[in-house]
């Protein structure tokens, strides 16, 4: 859980090198392809940079607020609210997203983004 929290803190501070040090060089990132035109998957450190660039490029004043972090052993789930204003329109937007991470040997190996906690819980095998 500390590794994932450190990655979010490094991102918030704009320290992409610190984020990458916490990610396995073969990390897999999966985002719903319908989310704001985001590609479905990215791979490796170049994929991390690409994934992190997608969201802020669409918004002004973009920030991620971590609401809760849950450690499920093999998975770490992070519930967030993303805040921003639409580029051009200036319309304020708040969107909940849930991240699901897998770790191995002290590195993040998989990062998945879901529209709801229920979807992330199901993917982690924690649904009721």
N, C-alpha and C. Protein backbone atom coordinates (compact mmCIF):
# COMPACT_ATOMS: atom_id res chain seq x y z
N UNK A 1 0.83 -1.18 0.00
CA UNK A 1 0.00 0.00 0.00
C UNK A 1 0.88 1.25 0.00
N UNK A 2 2.00 1.20 0.71
CA UNK A 2 2.89 2.36 0.79
C UNK A 2 3.46 2.72 -0.58
N UNK A 3 3.72 1.72 -1.40
CA UNK A 3 4.28 1.97 -2.74
C UNK A 3 3.28 2.73 -3.60
N UNK A 4 2.02 2.30 -3.55
CA UNK A 4 0.98 2.97 -4.33
C UNK A 4 0.77 4.39 -3.82
N UNK A 5 0.72 4.56 -2.51
CA UNK A 5 0.56 5.90 -1.95
C UNK A 5 1.73 6.80 -2.34
N UNK A 6 2.94 6.25 -2.34
CA UNK A 6 4.12 7.01 -2.74
C UNK A 6 4.02 7.42 -4.21
N UNK A 7 3.47 6.55 -5.06
CA UNK A 7 3.31 6.87 -6.48
C UNK A 7 2.32 8.02 -6.66
N UNK A 8 1.21 8.00 -5.93
CA UNK A 8 0.24 9.09 -6.03
C UNK A 8 0.86 10.40 -5.54
N UNK A 9 1.61 10.35 -4.46
CA UNK A 9 2.26 11.55 -3.93
C UNK A 9 3.27 12.10 -4.94
N UNK A 10 4.07 11.23 -5.53
CA UNK A 10 5.05 11.67 -6.52
C UNK A 10 4.35 12.30 -7.72
N UNK A 11 3.24 11.70 -8.17
CA UNK A 11 2.47 12.28 -9.28
C UNK A 11 1.97 13.67 -8.91
N UNK A 12 1.40 13.79 -7.70
CA UNK A 12 0.88 15.07 -7.24
C UNK A 12 1.97 16.14 -7.21
N UNK A 13 3.20 15.73 -6.90
CA UNK A 13 4.32 16.66 -6.83
C UNK A 13 4.98 16.88 -8.19
N UNK A 14 4.47 16.19 -9.22
CA UNK A 14 5.02 16.35 -10.56
C UNK A 14 6.34 15.62 -10.77
N UNK A 15 6.64 14.63 -9.94
CA UNK A 15 7.91 13.91 -10.01
C UNK A 15 7.73 12.59 -10.76
N UNK A 16 7.70 12.66 -12.09
CA UNK A 16 7.46 11.47 -12.90
C UNK A 16 8.58 10.44 -12.75
N UNK A 17 9.82 10.88 -12.53
CA UNK A 17 10.91 9.93 -12.33
C UNK A 17 10.66 9.07 -11.10
N UNK A 18 10.15 9.68 -10.02
CA UNK A 18 9.84 8.92 -8.80
C UNK A 18 8.71 7.94 -9.06
N UNK A 19 7.71 8.35 -9.84
CA UNK A 19 6.62 7.44 -10.19
C UNK A 19 7.17 6.23 -10.93
N UNK A 20 8.00 6.48 -11.94
CA UNK A 20 8.55 5.40 -12.75
C UNK A 20 9.42 4.45 -11.94
N UNK A 21 10.13 4.96 -10.94
CA UNK A 21 10.96 4.10 -10.09
C UNK A 21 10.11 3.10 -9.31
N UNK A 22 8.82 3.42 -9.10
CA UNK A 22 7.92 2.54 -8.37
C UNK A 22 7.19 1.56 -9.28
N UNK A 23 7.36 1.73 -10.60
CA UNK A 23 6.69 0.89 -11.58
C UNK A 23 7.66 -0.10 -12.21
N UNK A 24 7.21 -1.33 -12.37
CA UNK A 24 7.98 -2.33 -13.09
C UNK A 24 8.17 -1.86 -14.54
N UNK A 25 9.29 -2.16 -15.13
CA UNK A 25 9.55 -1.69 -16.50
C UNK A 25 8.58 -2.30 -17.51
N UNK A 26 7.91 -3.40 -17.14
CA UNK A 26 6.94 -4.03 -18.03
C UNK A 26 5.50 -3.84 -17.54
N UNK A 27 5.25 -2.79 -16.79
CA UNK A 27 3.92 -2.52 -16.25
C UNK A 27 2.87 -2.50 -17.37
N UNK A 28 1.68 -3.00 -17.05
CA UNK A 28 0.55 -2.95 -17.97
C UNK A 28 -0.51 -2.03 -17.39
N UNK A 29 -1.00 -1.12 -18.21
CA UNK A 29 -2.01 -0.16 -17.80
C UNK A 29 -3.25 -0.40 -18.66
N UNK A 30 -4.40 -0.56 -18.01
CA UNK A 30 -5.64 -0.79 -18.73
C UNK A 30 -6.65 0.26 -18.30
N UNK A 31 -7.17 0.99 -19.28
CA UNK A 31 -8.21 1.98 -19.04
C UNK A 31 -9.35 1.69 -20.01
N UNK A 32 -10.56 1.95 -19.58
CA UNK A 32 -11.71 1.76 -20.45
C UNK A 32 -11.53 2.63 -21.69
N UNK A 33 -11.56 2.01 -22.86
CA UNK A 33 -11.32 2.74 -24.11
C UNK A 33 -12.37 3.81 -24.36
N UNK A 34 -13.52 3.74 -23.69
CA UNK A 34 -14.58 4.72 -23.87
C UNK A 34 -14.35 5.98 -23.03
N UNK A 35 -13.39 5.93 -22.12
CA UNK A 35 -13.15 7.07 -21.23
C UNK A 35 -12.43 8.19 -21.98
N UNK A 36 -13.18 9.17 -22.37
CA UNK A 36 -12.62 10.37 -22.98
C UNK A 36 -11.64 10.07 -24.11
N UNK A 37 -11.89 9.00 -24.84
CA UNK A 37 -11.06 8.66 -25.98
C UNK A 37 -9.72 8.05 -25.62
N UNK A 38 -9.57 7.63 -24.36
CA UNK A 38 -8.30 7.05 -23.93
C UNK A 38 -8.09 5.70 -24.60
N UNK A 39 -6.86 5.42 -25.01
CA UNK A 39 -6.60 4.10 -25.55
C UNK A 39 -6.79 3.05 -24.48
N UNK A 40 -7.09 1.84 -24.88
CA UNK A 40 -7.37 0.78 -23.94
C UNK A 40 -6.20 0.33 -23.09
N UNK A 41 -5.00 0.25 -23.67
CA UNK A 41 -3.86 -0.25 -22.92
C UNK A 41 -2.58 0.48 -23.27
N UNK A 42 -1.75 0.60 -22.25
CA UNK A 42 -0.39 1.10 -22.44
C UNK A 42 0.54 0.13 -21.73
N UNK A 43 1.80 0.13 -22.16
CA UNK A 43 2.78 -0.81 -21.60
C UNK A 43 4.09 -0.09 -21.28
N UNK A 44 4.74 -0.56 -20.24
CA UNK A 44 6.06 -0.07 -19.88
C UNK A 44 6.06 1.35 -19.38
N UNK A 45 7.26 1.86 -19.15
CA UNK A 45 7.40 3.22 -18.62
C UNK A 45 6.88 4.26 -19.60
N UNK A 46 7.05 4.01 -20.91
CA UNK A 46 6.50 4.95 -21.91
C UNK A 46 4.98 4.98 -21.80
N UNK A 47 4.37 3.84 -21.52
CA UNK A 47 2.93 3.76 -21.34
C UNK A 47 2.46 4.52 -20.11
N UNK A 48 3.25 4.49 -19.05
CA UNK A 48 2.91 5.25 -17.84
C UNK A 48 2.88 6.73 -18.17
N UNK A 49 3.90 7.20 -18.86
CA UNK A 49 3.94 8.61 -19.24
C UNK A 49 2.74 8.98 -20.11
N UNK A 50 2.41 8.11 -21.07
CA UNK A 50 1.27 8.36 -21.96
C UNK A 50 -0.04 8.39 -21.18
N UNK A 51 -0.23 7.43 -20.27
CA UNK A 51 -1.46 7.36 -19.49
C UNK A 51 -1.62 8.59 -18.60
N UNK A 52 -0.53 9.00 -17.95
CA UNK A 52 -0.61 10.16 -17.08
C UNK A 52 -0.85 11.44 -17.87
N UNK A 53 -0.43 11.48 -19.12
CA UNK A 53 -0.61 12.68 -19.95
C UNK A 53 -2.03 12.80 -20.50
N UNK A 54 -2.75 11.69 -20.62
CA UNK A 54 -4.07 11.71 -21.24
C UNK A 54 -5.05 12.61 -20.50
N UNK A 55 -5.17 12.42 -19.20
CA UNK A 55 -6.21 13.12 -18.44
C UNK A 55 -5.93 14.61 -18.29
N UNK A 56 -4.77 15.02 -17.84
CA UNK A 56 -4.54 16.46 -17.68
C UNK A 56 -4.63 17.24 -18.99
N UNK A 57 -4.33 16.58 -20.11
CA UNK A 57 -4.42 17.28 -21.40
C UNK A 57 -5.84 17.66 -21.76
N UNK A 58 -6.83 17.01 -21.13
CA UNK A 58 -8.23 17.27 -21.45
C UNK A 58 -8.87 18.29 -20.52
N UNK A 59 -8.15 18.67 -19.46
CA UNK A 59 -8.74 19.51 -18.42
C UNK A 59 -7.81 20.65 -18.03
N UNK A 60 -8.40 21.73 -17.56
CA UNK A 60 -7.66 22.78 -16.87
C UNK A 60 -7.79 22.50 -15.38
N UNK A 61 -6.78 22.87 -14.62
CA UNK A 61 -6.81 22.70 -13.16
C UNK A 61 -7.10 21.26 -12.75
N UNK A 62 -6.52 20.31 -13.46
CA UNK A 62 -6.75 18.88 -13.18
C UNK A 62 -6.03 18.48 -11.90
N UNK A 63 -6.75 17.73 -11.05
CA UNK A 63 -6.12 17.14 -9.87
C UNK A 63 -6.88 15.89 -9.47
N UNK A 64 -6.17 15.00 -8.82
CA UNK A 64 -6.73 13.74 -8.33
C UNK A 64 -6.78 13.80 -6.82
N UNK A 65 -7.96 13.58 -6.26
CA UNK A 65 -8.14 13.54 -4.81
C UNK A 65 -8.32 12.08 -4.39
N UNK A 66 -7.40 11.57 -3.60
CA UNK A 66 -7.51 10.20 -3.10
C UNK A 66 -8.51 10.19 -1.95
N UNK A 67 -9.53 9.37 -2.09
CA UNK A 67 -10.59 9.27 -1.09
C UNK A 67 -10.30 8.13 -0.11
N UNK A 68 -9.84 7.00 -0.65
CA UNK A 68 -9.59 5.83 0.20
C UNK A 68 -8.61 4.89 -0.48
N UNK A 69 -7.82 4.20 0.33
CA UNK A 69 -6.89 3.19 -0.17
C UNK A 69 -7.17 1.90 0.59
N UNK A 70 -7.39 0.80 -0.14
CA UNK A 70 -7.66 -0.50 0.46
C UNK A 70 -6.60 -1.49 0.00
N UNK A 71 -6.02 -2.21 0.95
CA UNK A 71 -5.00 -3.22 0.66
C UNK A 71 -5.66 -4.59 0.73
N UNK A 72 -5.71 -5.29 -0.40
CA UNK A 72 -6.30 -6.62 -0.46
C UNK A 72 -5.23 -7.70 -0.63
N UNK A 73 -4.01 -7.43 -0.23
CA UNK A 73 -2.94 -8.40 -0.38
C UNK A 73 -2.35 -8.35 -1.78
N UNK A 74 -2.96 -9.07 -2.71
CA UNK A 74 -2.46 -9.10 -4.09
C UNK A 74 -2.81 -7.83 -4.85
N UNK A 75 -3.80 -7.09 -4.36
CA UNK A 75 -4.25 -5.88 -5.03
C UNK A 75 -4.31 -4.71 -4.04
N UNK A 76 -4.11 -3.52 -4.57
CA UNK A 76 -4.34 -2.29 -3.82
C UNK A 76 -5.35 -1.49 -4.62
N UNK A 77 -6.47 -1.12 -3.97
CA UNK A 77 -7.52 -0.35 -4.63
C UNK A 77 -7.50 1.07 -4.10
N UNK A 78 -7.52 2.03 -5.02
CA UNK A 78 -7.51 3.44 -4.65
C UNK A 78 -8.75 4.10 -5.24
N UNK A 79 -9.61 4.59 -4.37
CA UNK A 79 -10.82 5.30 -4.80
C UNK A 79 -10.47 6.78 -4.84
N UNK A 80 -10.83 7.43 -5.95
CA UNK A 80 -10.47 8.83 -6.15
C UNK A 80 -11.65 9.63 -6.69
N UNK A 81 -11.51 10.94 -6.59
CA UNK A 81 -12.36 11.86 -7.32
C UNK A 81 -11.41 12.75 -8.12
N UNK A 82 -11.61 12.78 -9.42
CA UNK A 82 -10.80 13.63 -10.29
C UNK A 82 -11.54 14.94 -10.50
N UNK A 83 -10.82 16.04 -10.33
CA UNK A 83 -11.40 17.37 -10.44
C UNK A 83 -10.74 18.10 -11.61
N UNK A 84 -11.51 18.93 -12.27
CA UNK A 84 -10.94 19.75 -13.33
C UNK A 84 -12.01 20.64 -13.94
N UNK A 85 -11.59 21.42 -14.90
CA UNK A 85 -12.50 22.24 -15.71
C UNK A 85 -12.24 21.87 -17.16
N UNK A 86 -13.30 21.69 -17.91
CA UNK A 86 -13.16 21.34 -19.32
C UNK A 86 -12.35 22.39 -20.07
N UNK A 87 -11.37 21.92 -20.84
CA UNK A 87 -10.60 22.86 -21.67
C UNK A 87 -11.55 23.50 -22.66
N UNK A 88 -11.47 24.79 -22.79
CA UNK A 88 -12.35 25.50 -23.70
C UNK A 88 -13.66 25.89 -23.06
N UNK A 89 -14.38 24.92 -22.49
CA UNK A 89 -15.71 25.23 -21.92
C UNK A 89 -15.60 25.85 -20.53
N UNK A 90 -14.59 25.47 -19.78
CA UNK A 90 -14.44 25.96 -18.42
C UNK A 90 -15.42 25.34 -17.44
N UNK A 91 -16.20 24.36 -17.89
CA UNK A 91 -17.20 23.72 -17.03
C UNK A 91 -16.49 22.86 -15.98
N UNK A 92 -16.81 23.08 -14.69
CA UNK A 92 -16.19 22.26 -13.65
C UNK A 92 -16.74 20.84 -13.70
N UNK A 93 -15.84 19.87 -13.48
CA UNK A 93 -16.21 18.46 -13.53
C UNK A 93 -15.58 17.74 -12.35
N UNK A 94 -16.35 16.86 -11.74
CA UNK A 94 -15.85 15.94 -10.71
C UNK A 94 -16.25 14.53 -11.13
N UNK A 95 -15.28 13.64 -11.24
CA UNK A 95 -15.55 12.28 -11.68
C UNK A 95 -14.91 11.29 -10.73
N UNK A 96 -15.70 10.35 -10.20
CA UNK A 96 -15.09 9.31 -9.38
C UNK A 96 -14.46 8.24 -10.27
N UNK A 97 -13.28 7.82 -9.91
CA UNK A 97 -12.60 6.71 -10.57
C UNK A 97 -11.97 5.83 -9.50
N UNK A 98 -11.85 4.57 -9.82
CA UNK A 98 -11.20 3.64 -8.90
C UNK A 98 -10.05 2.97 -9.64
N UNK A 99 -8.89 3.01 -9.02
CA UNK A 99 -7.69 2.37 -9.57
C UNK A 99 -7.46 1.06 -8.85
N UNK A 100 -7.03 0.05 -9.58
CA UNK A 100 -6.67 -1.23 -9.00
C UNK A 100 -5.24 -1.53 -9.43
N UNK A 101 -4.37 -1.75 -8.46
CA UNK A 101 -2.96 -2.00 -8.72
C UNK A 101 -2.58 -3.40 -8.28
N UNK A 102 -1.67 -4.02 -9.02
CA UNK A 102 -1.02 -5.26 -8.60
C UNK A 102 0.46 -4.94 -8.45
N UNK A 103 1.07 -5.56 -7.44
CA UNK A 103 2.49 -5.34 -7.18
C UNK A 103 3.23 -6.66 -7.09
N UNK A 104 4.51 -6.60 -7.45
CA UNK A 104 5.38 -7.77 -7.31
C UNK A 104 6.80 -7.24 -7.09
N UNK A 105 7.46 -7.82 -6.12
CA UNK A 105 8.85 -7.45 -5.81
C UNK A 105 9.01 -5.95 -5.58
N UNK A 106 8.02 -5.34 -4.92
CA UNK A 106 8.12 -3.93 -4.56
C UNK A 106 7.87 -2.96 -5.69
N UNK A 107 7.31 -3.44 -6.81
CA UNK A 107 7.04 -2.57 -7.96
C UNK A 107 5.59 -2.76 -8.41
N UNK A 108 5.01 -1.70 -8.95
CA UNK A 108 3.66 -1.79 -9.52
C UNK A 108 3.78 -2.46 -10.88
N UNK A 109 3.08 -3.59 -11.05
CA UNK A 109 3.16 -4.35 -12.30
C UNK A 109 1.92 -4.18 -13.17
N UNK A 110 0.82 -3.81 -12.53
CA UNK A 110 -0.42 -3.63 -13.28
C UNK A 110 -1.22 -2.49 -12.66
N UNK A 111 -1.82 -1.68 -13.52
CA UNK A 111 -2.62 -0.54 -13.10
C UNK A 111 -3.87 -0.55 -13.97
N UNK A 112 -5.02 -0.67 -13.33
CA UNK A 112 -6.29 -0.70 -14.05
C UNK A 112 -7.18 0.43 -13.53
N UNK A 113 -7.92 1.05 -14.43
CA UNK A 113 -8.80 2.16 -14.08
C UNK A 113 -10.24 1.75 -14.33
N UNK A 114 -11.10 1.99 -13.34
CA UNK A 114 -12.52 1.63 -13.43
C UNK A 114 -13.39 2.84 -13.13
N UNK A 115 -14.59 2.81 -13.68
CA UNK A 115 -15.56 3.88 -13.45
C UNK A 115 -16.22 3.76 -12.07
N UNK A 116 -16.15 2.58 -11.45
CA UNK A 116 -16.80 2.40 -10.16
C UNK A 116 -15.99 1.46 -9.27
N UNK A 117 -16.18 1.61 -7.97
CA UNK A 117 -15.55 0.70 -7.01
C UNK A 117 -16.04 -0.72 -7.23
N UNK A 118 -17.33 -0.89 -7.55
CA UNK A 118 -17.88 -2.23 -7.74
C UNK A 118 -17.14 -2.98 -8.84
N UNK A 119 -16.82 -2.29 -9.94
CA UNK A 119 -16.08 -2.92 -11.03
C UNK A 119 -14.68 -3.33 -10.57
N UNK A 120 -14.02 -2.46 -9.82
CA UNK A 120 -12.67 -2.75 -9.33
C UNK A 120 -12.70 -3.91 -8.33
N UNK A 121 -13.69 -3.91 -7.46
CA UNK A 121 -13.81 -5.01 -6.49
C UNK A 121 -14.03 -6.34 -7.19
N UNK A 122 -14.85 -6.34 -8.22
CA UNK A 122 -15.09 -7.56 -8.97
C UNK A 122 -13.80 -8.04 -9.63
N UNK A 123 -13.05 -7.11 -10.23
CA UNK A 123 -11.79 -7.47 -10.89
C UNK A 123 -10.76 -8.02 -9.89
N UNK A 124 -10.86 -7.57 -8.64
CA UNK A 124 -9.95 -8.04 -7.60
C UNK A 124 -10.45 -9.31 -6.93
N UNK A 125 -11.60 -9.81 -7.40
CA UNK A 125 -12.17 -11.02 -6.81
C UNK A 125 -12.78 -10.78 -5.44
N UNK A 126 -13.22 -9.55 -5.19
CA UNK A 126 -13.75 -9.19 -3.88
C UNK A 126 -15.24 -8.88 -3.89
N UNK A 127 -15.91 -9.16 -5.00
CA UNK A 127 -17.34 -8.84 -5.07
C UNK A 127 -18.15 -9.86 -4.28
N UNK A 128 -19.31 -9.41 -3.84
CA UNK A 128 -20.17 -10.25 -3.00
C UNK A 128 -20.99 -11.13 -3.84
